[in-house]
Structure formats: structure tokens, C-alpha cells
Amino acid sequence: MNIAVLGLGAMGLPMATWLGQSFPVTAFDIAEARVQLATDSGVTCRPSAREACDGADIVLVAVRNQAQLEELLYGEAGIVPALSRGAAIILTSTVGIQAVETVAARLQQDGIGLADAPVSGGPARAGKGDLLVTVGAYPAVYEHCRPVLEAMASNLVWVGEAPGKGQCMKTVNQLLCGVHIAAAAEAMALAGELGLDQTKALEALMSGAAASFMLGDRGPRAIQAYAGEDAEVKSRLDIFVKDMGIVTSAAKSVGMPVPVAAAAEQLYLQGLANGQGAMDDSSVIRLVTPKKG
């Protein structure tokens, strides 16, 4: 089974590297620096997305948003004309429910399957096949993609028999993740303002009922940001501007209030307006302690 990986960002590159241990993988990214990193990691890269898809049975797509997805598939240099009927796309990105449903219908007309398979877990886990992957796909497409999905995931959940359901599940996931990051930032900021050793406070919190993955993962970088340092960017703040926008839009579509998620969304929007979009999302701590920023 030949796999093309398109998009070698924070998640795409470790997924390509991991899958390359079990499958023939070719890859592409528009950023030369990411292509060089992939090549240095042993991934075979091609000069264009279409060339990377030559002979591919499955195309794993890791793009940032809906606009990038549509351009990749159906833009001037779109890959759909290069794909054989019966091939399938595994979409690992969070782009929104309606966007996926629309793209899936168009791909079906072209004889291409779509596994709506957003991933969660972060780059380190992506590089070990240790992701949570929630999939919405028609049964035949799911079975076709299953060997690759199983290689990517330590927890693979088929949440619905149609594209879009994976996005539904990821939307719920991102509600919690976005709120947890914001809450972790506030907690670490309060610890600092109260004169506590933040590192010791984080260790104590992680041993009790207040622990969360986001607190443990973002906490150390939030402490750096609180001190005025620029922490390593592992997850950009502007990604959660997008994701929390998807969350609140989905909630509005079903007439449901999400006051906590909406408050978190405002924090990320404030960070974007403050010029922090390309910084690590843990930098939201600076918004509640601006004198430290």
C-alpha cells in the first residue's frame, strides 16, 4: 500500500516518519525547510503534491484549514486529477463539519473515498503511532484505510459511517482542549502572582484531581512565557483561534450555549490581536498577566 503524505508541519512530519517504517511513503510540503527536515528524517519527498500522489493508494492530508484543503484538492495544481479511482484520502486536520461533508460529496463523484480522521495527541505521540484518531467514513472506505489508521493510532475510534462525524467528535475534543489550555494558563499565572514557585505548584497539581494532559503539557511552557521567555512553539495559538471558532459555530448550529468555550475563544482572539498568533498557545498566560508579557 503506497502512501502520500501532504503537509509536513508539526503533525504531518512525525506521522510521515512513523508510517514510513511500515509503508512506502512519499511526501510534499510547500515549505522548503519542512521538506529538508523530512528528507533528513529519511522521508522521500517529491517536488509537487501531484508527483507525491503518483501511484498512491492512500493520501494522508495534514493541512491547516478549509481553504488549504480545497486548494490542495481542487486548486490549479490540485491533486484529484492525479488520483486513481478507488484511492482514498485520510484527512487528519480539523477543518469543520460542513467543510468535510461538502468535500466528501465532491470526492465521491470523482471516485475518491474520504476518511474524515482528525487526530489528537501532539507531535511526540504522532511520531510513535500513539494518537487518538476518530474516524467518520463509509464502511468500504474505512476498511480500505484501516491498516494506515491502525498504524497511526493507539486509540482508533470509528465514530460514524459518514464523513463529517470525525469532525463532530474532534469539535467536542477541541472544546475541552481549548478550555483546558486557557484554564492551565490562568492557574499558572495565579500561582505566580501569589508568590508560589510555579514549577513546584505544577508538580503538585499534576499529582492530584486538578491534573490534565494540557496542564502537564502546556504548564512548563506557560511558566516560560510568564517569565517573558519565548517558549518552543509546539502548537500555534492561531490554531486554537480556528478550532474554537469551529466549536462555537457548531454549538450555534444546534442552538446550544457554550459559555465556557466562548470565553476561551475570546482569550485566543485577544492573543491573536496582541500579535501572538505564531507563538505557542501556552502564551495565553501573558494575556492574564500582561505586565509579564
Protein backbone atom coordinates (compact mmCIF):
# COMPACT_ATOMS: atom_id res chain seq x y z
CA MET A 1 0.00 0.00 0.00
CA ASN A 2 1.60 3.26 -1.18
CA ILE A 3 1.00 6.36 0.91
CA ALA A 4 1.44 10.03 0.07
CA VAL A 5 1.67 12.48 2.97
CA LEU A 6 0.82 16.06 2.05
CA GLY A 7 1.66 18.64 4.68
CA LEU A 8 4.79 18.18 6.79
CA GLY A 9 4.01 20.51 9.64
CA ALA A 10 4.11 19.78 13.35
CA MET A 11 1.87 16.72 12.96
CA GLY A 12 2.39 15.75 9.33
CA LEU A 13 6.14 15.22 9.56
CA PRO A 14 6.14 12.84 12.55
CA MET A 15 3.21 10.92 11.04
CA ALA A 16 5.11 10.56 7.76
CA THR A 17 8.25 9.43 9.57
CA TRP A 18 6.34 6.86 11.61
CA LEU A 19 4.31 5.48 8.69
CA GLY A 20 7.49 5.24 6.62
CA GLN A 21 8.65 2.45 8.91
CA SER A 22 5.81 0.21 7.71
CA PHE A 23 4.72 1.54 4.29
CA PRO A 24 6.25 3.09 1.17
CA VAL A 25 5.77 6.83 1.79
CA THR A 26 6.31 9.84 -0.45
CA ALA A 27 5.65 13.36 0.80
CA PHE A 28 5.35 17.02 -0.09
CA ASP A 29 5.18 20.39 1.65
CA ILE A 30 5.23 23.91 0.25
CA ALA A 31 7.85 24.94 2.84
CA GLU A 32 11.38 24.02 1.82
CA ALA A 33 12.51 23.92 5.43
CA ARG A 34 9.94 21.23 6.26
CA VAL A 35 10.91 19.25 3.16
CA GLN A 36 14.53 19.34 4.28
CA LEU A 37 13.60 18.14 7.77
CA ALA A 38 11.59 15.30 6.24
CA THR A 39 14.43 14.33 3.92
CA ASP A 40 16.86 14.39 6.84
CA SER A 41 14.46 12.04 8.66
CA GLY A 42 14.53 9.55 5.80
CA VAL A 43 11.22 10.50 4.14
CA THR A 44 11.18 10.54 0.33
CA CYS A 45 9.88 13.90 -0.87
CA ARG A 46 8.65 15.00 -4.30
CA PRO A 47 8.72 18.44 -5.97
CA SER A 48 4.92 18.77 -6.06
CA ALA A 49 1.82 17.40 -4.39
CA ARG A 50 0.71 15.74 -7.63
CA GLU A 51 4.05 13.98 -8.03
CA ALA A 52 3.92 12.79 -4.43
CA CYS A 53 0.50 11.26 -5.18
CA ASP A 54 1.71 9.29 -8.20
CA GLY A 55 0.66 5.67 -7.61
CA ALA A 56 -0.70 6.41 -4.13
CA ASP A 57 -3.41 4.15 -2.73
CA ILE A 58 -3.96 6.49 0.22
CA VAL A 59 -3.20 10.19 0.57
CA LEU A 60 -2.79 11.45 4.12
CA VAL A 61 -3.58 15.16 4.27
CA ALA A 62 -2.39 17.41 7.11
CA VAL A 63 -3.35 20.98 6.27
CA ARG A 64 -4.20 23.96 8.49
CA ASN A 65 -7.71 24.90 7.40
CA GLN A 66 -10.58 24.53 4.91
CA ALA A 67 -9.07 26.93 2.37
CA GLN A 68 -5.83 24.94 2.20
CA LEU A 69 -7.77 21.69 1.85
CA GLU A 70 -9.85 22.95 -1.06
CA GLU A 71 -6.81 24.40 -2.81
CA LEU A 72 -4.89 21.14 -2.37
CA LEU A 73 -7.69 19.03 -3.80
CA TYR A 74 -9.23 21.23 -6.50
CA GLY A 75 -6.97 24.24 -6.96
CA GLU A 76 -4.93 24.99 -10.06
CA ALA A 77 -2.40 22.33 -9.04
CA GLY A 78 -4.95 20.19 -7.21
CA ILE A 79 -4.25 16.51 -6.67
CA VAL A 80 -7.63 14.98 -7.53
CA PRO A 81 -6.86 14.62 -11.27
CA ALA A 82 -3.70 12.69 -10.31
CA LEU A 83 -5.52 10.13 -8.17
CA SER A 84 -6.82 6.79 -9.40
CA ARG A 85 -10.45 5.92 -8.86
CA GLY A 86 -10.68 3.84 -5.72
CA ALA A 87 -7.92 5.76 -3.95
CA ALA A 88 -8.76 7.34 -0.61
CA ILE A 89 -7.82 10.46 1.30
CA ILE A 90 -7.26 10.39 5.06
CA LEU A 91 -7.92 13.90 6.31
CA THR A 92 -6.20 14.37 9.68
CA SER A 93 -6.94 18.08 10.02
CA THR A 94 -9.61 19.96 11.95
CA VAL A 95 -11.45 21.97 9.29
CA GLY A 96 -15.11 21.87 10.37
CA ILE A 97 -18.09 19.60 9.86
CA GLN A 98 -19.76 21.27 6.88
CA ALA A 99 -16.45 21.69 5.05
CA VAL A 100 -15.77 17.96 5.20
CA GLU A 101 -19.30 16.97 4.21
CA THR A 102 -19.07 19.23 1.14
CA VAL A 103 -15.63 17.97 0.08
CA ALA A 104 -16.60 14.33 0.66
CA ALA A 105 -19.61 14.61 -1.66
CA ARG A 106 -17.46 16.08 -4.42
CA LEU A 107 -14.73 13.47 -3.97
CA GLN A 108 -17.31 10.69 -4.15
CA GLN A 109 -18.38 11.94 -7.56
CA ASP A 110 -14.72 11.65 -8.63
CA GLY A 111 -14.47 8.08 -7.33
CA ILE A 112 -12.26 9.04 -4.38
CA GLY A 113 -13.04 8.00 -0.82
CA LEU A 114 -12.61 10.24 2.21
CA ALA A 115 -11.80 9.08 5.72
CA ASP A 116 -12.55 12.04 7.97
CA ALA A 117 -9.95 11.21 10.60
CA PRO A 118 -8.85 14.18 12.73
CA VAL A 119 -6.07 13.32 15.14
CA SER A 120 -5.27 14.34 18.69
CA GLY A 121 -2.22 13.81 20.87
CA GLY A 122 0.51 16.16 19.69
CA PRO A 123 3.72 15.78 17.64
CA ALA A 124 5.59 13.49 20.04
CA ARG A 125 2.79 10.94 20.06
CA ALA A 126 2.34 11.29 16.29
CA GLY A 127 5.92 10.13 15.88
CA LYS A 128 5.18 6.94 17.83
CA GLY A 129 1.81 5.94 16.32
CA ASP A 130 0.23 6.84 19.65
CA LEU A 131 -2.57 9.17 18.54
CA LEU A 132 -6.27 9.28 19.22
CA VAL A 133 -7.88 9.04 15.78
CA THR A 134 -11.65 9.50 15.49
CA VAL A 135 -12.97 8.48 12.09
CA GLY A 136 -16.07 9.27 10.12
CA ALA A 137 -16.14 7.24 6.90
CA TYR A 138 -18.30 4.98 4.80
CA PRO A 139 -17.63 1.32 5.68
CA ALA A 140 -15.78 0.44 2.46
CA VAL A 141 -13.51 3.49 2.78
CA TYR A 142 -12.85 2.76 6.44
CA GLU A 143 -11.76 -0.79 5.66
CA HIS A 144 -9.54 0.40 2.81
CA CYS A 145 -7.80 2.91 5.11
CA ARG A 146 -7.82 0.80 8.24
CA PRO A 147 -4.21 -0.54 8.05
CA VAL A 148 -2.88 3.01 7.91
CA LEU A 149 -5.27 4.32 10.55
CA GLU A 150 -4.31 1.50 12.90
CA ALA A 151 -0.63 2.28 12.38
CA MET A 152 -1.23 5.92 13.32
CA ALA A 153 -3.34 5.31 16.40
CA SER A 154 -3.09 3.79 19.83
CA ASN A 155 -6.81 4.50 20.09
CA LEU A 156 -8.77 4.27 16.84
CA VAL A 157 -12.49 5.03 17.14
CA TRP A 158 -14.88 4.74 14.20
CA VAL A 159 -17.43 7.29 15.38
CA GLY A 160 -19.75 7.36 12.36
CA GLU A 161 -20.35 5.80 8.98
CA ALA A 162 -20.09 9.05 7.03
CA PRO A 163 -17.51 11.81 6.57
CA GLY A 164 -18.19 14.70 8.93
CA LYS A 165 -18.67 12.58 12.02
CA GLY A 166 -14.93 12.59 12.69
CA GLN A 167 -15.08 16.39 12.65
CA CYS A 168 -18.05 16.29 15.04
CA MET A 169 -16.01 14.26 17.51
CA LYS A 170 -12.92 16.45 17.09
CA THR A 171 -15.05 19.53 17.70
CA VAL A 172 -16.07 18.12 21.08
CA ASN A 173 -12.42 17.23 21.76
CA GLN A 174 -11.21 20.71 20.90
CA LEU A 175 -13.80 22.33 23.15
CA LEU A 176 -12.15 20.57 26.07
CA CYS A 177 -8.59 21.13 24.87
CA GLY A 178 -9.12 24.84 24.28
CA VAL A 179 -10.75 25.34 27.67
CA HIS A 180 -8.08 23.27 29.43
CA ILE A 181 -5.22 25.30 27.93
CA ALA A 182 -6.87 28.56 28.95
CA ALA A 183 -7.54 27.22 32.46
CA ALA A 184 -3.96 25.96 32.78
CA ALA A 185 -2.67 29.42 31.83
CA GLU A 186 -4.85 31.11 34.42
CA ALA A 187 -3.82 28.63 37.11
CA MET A 188 -0.10 29.03 36.45
CA ALA A 189 -0.47 32.81 36.33
CA LEU A 190 -2.32 32.86 39.65
CA ALA A 191 0.34 30.66 41.22
CA GLY A 192 2.98 33.13 40.11
CA GLU A 193 1.05 36.20 41.25
CA LEU A 194 0.55 34.61 44.68
CA GLY A 195 4.28 34.19 45.02
CA LEU A 196 4.39 30.42 44.62
CA ASP A 197 7.19 28.54 42.89
CA GLN A 198 5.29 27.75 39.67
CA THR A 199 7.30 24.62 38.88
CA LYS A 200 6.58 23.16 42.31
CA ALA A 201 2.94 24.20 42.00
CA LEU A 202 2.68 22.43 38.65
CA GLU A 203 4.20 19.26 40.08
CA ALA A 204 1.72 19.33 42.96
CA LEU A 205 -1.26 19.94 40.68
CA MET A 206 -0.28 17.11 38.37
CA SER A 207 -0.37 14.66 41.29
CA GLY A 208 -3.96 15.49 42.24
CA ALA A 209 -7.50 15.80 40.92
CA ALA A 210 -6.72 19.04 39.05
CA ALA A 211 -4.32 17.26 36.69
CA SER A 212 -4.98 17.26 32.94
CA PHE A 213 -2.98 16.45 29.84
CA MET A 214 -2.99 20.10 28.78
CA LEU A 215 -1.84 21.29 32.21
CA GLY A 216 1.05 18.85 32.18
CA ASP A 217 1.99 19.54 28.57
CA ARG A 218 1.46 23.32 28.38
CA GLY A 219 2.29 24.14 32.00
CA PRO A 220 6.10 24.27 31.66
CA ARG A 221 5.89 26.43 28.53
CA ALA A 222 3.31 28.70 30.18
CA ILE A 223 5.75 29.23 33.04
CA GLN A 224 8.41 30.23 30.50
CA ALA A 225 6.00 32.67 28.84
CA TYR A 226 5.07 34.13 32.23
CA ALA A 227 8.76 34.85 32.81
CA GLY A 228 8.93 36.69 29.48
CA GLU A 229 10.71 33.92 27.60
CA ASP A 230 9.65 32.70 24.17
CA ALA A 231 8.80 29.03 24.64
CA GLU A 232 9.27 26.45 21.90
CA VAL A 233 6.30 26.54 19.53
CA LYS A 234 4.68 23.12 19.59
CA SER A 235 1.11 24.26 18.89
CA ARG A 236 0.46 27.75 17.49
CA LEU A 237 -2.02 29.99 19.22
CA ASP A 238 -3.80 30.82 15.97
CA ILE A 239 -4.70 27.13 15.56
CA PHE A 240 -6.97 27.46 18.57
CA VAL A 241 -8.46 30.65 17.16
CA LYS A 242 -9.60 28.46 14.28
CA ASP A 243 -10.58 25.48 16.38
CA MET A 244 -12.55 27.40 19.00
CA GLY A 245 -14.32 29.21 16.16
CA ILE A 246 -15.36 25.81 14.83
CA VAL A 247 -16.56 24.83 18.31
CA THR A 248 -18.71 27.90 18.86
CA SER A 249 -20.10 27.78 15.31
CA ALA A 250 -21.07 24.13 15.73
CA ALA A 251 -22.78 24.91 19.02
CA LYS A 252 -24.72 27.77 17.42
CA SER A 253 -25.84 25.45 14.62
CA VAL A 254 -27.66 23.25 17.16
CA GLY A 255 -28.85 26.12 19.34
CA MET A 256 -26.64 25.25 22.30
CA PRO A 257 -24.93 27.78 24.57
CA VAL A 258 -21.25 27.13 25.35
CA PRO A 259 -20.30 29.98 27.69
CA VAL A 260 -17.02 28.45 28.90
CA ALA A 261 -15.84 27.66 25.37
CA ALA A 262 -16.86 31.14 24.22
CA ALA A 263 -14.81 32.73 26.99
CA ALA A 264 -11.78 30.65 25.98
CA GLU A 265 -12.29 31.63 22.35
CA GLN A 266 -12.14 35.30 23.32
CA LEU A 267 -8.82 34.71 25.06
CA TYR A 268 -7.30 33.22 21.89
CA LEU A 269 -8.73 36.04 19.79
CA GLN A 270 -7.19 38.52 22.20
CA GLY A 271 -3.87 36.74 21.81
CA LEU A 272 -4.14 36.96 18.02
CA ALA A 273 -4.86 40.68 18.24
CA ASN A 274 -1.87 41.00 20.56
CA GLY A 275 0.46 39.59 17.89
CA GLN A 276 0.81 36.16 19.48
CA GLY A 277 -0.73 34.09 16.67
CA ALA A 278 2.52 32.38 15.72
CA MET A 279 3.55 31.82 19.34
CA ASP A 280 2.89 28.67 21.32
CA ASP A 281 -0.69 28.55 22.60
CA SER A 282 0.63 28.42 26.18
CA SER A 283 1.49 32.10 25.69
CA VAL A 284 -2.13 32.96 26.53
CA ILE A 285 -0.78 33.27 30.08
CA ARG A 286 0.54 36.68 29.07
CA LEU A 287 -2.99 37.93 28.48
CA VAL A 288 -3.99 37.50 32.12
CA THR A 289 -0.65 38.89 33.36
CA PRO A 290 0.18 41.50 30.70
CA LYS A 291 2.86 43.12 32.83
CA LYS A 292 4.83 39.88 32.33
CA GLY A 293 4.41 39.83 28.53
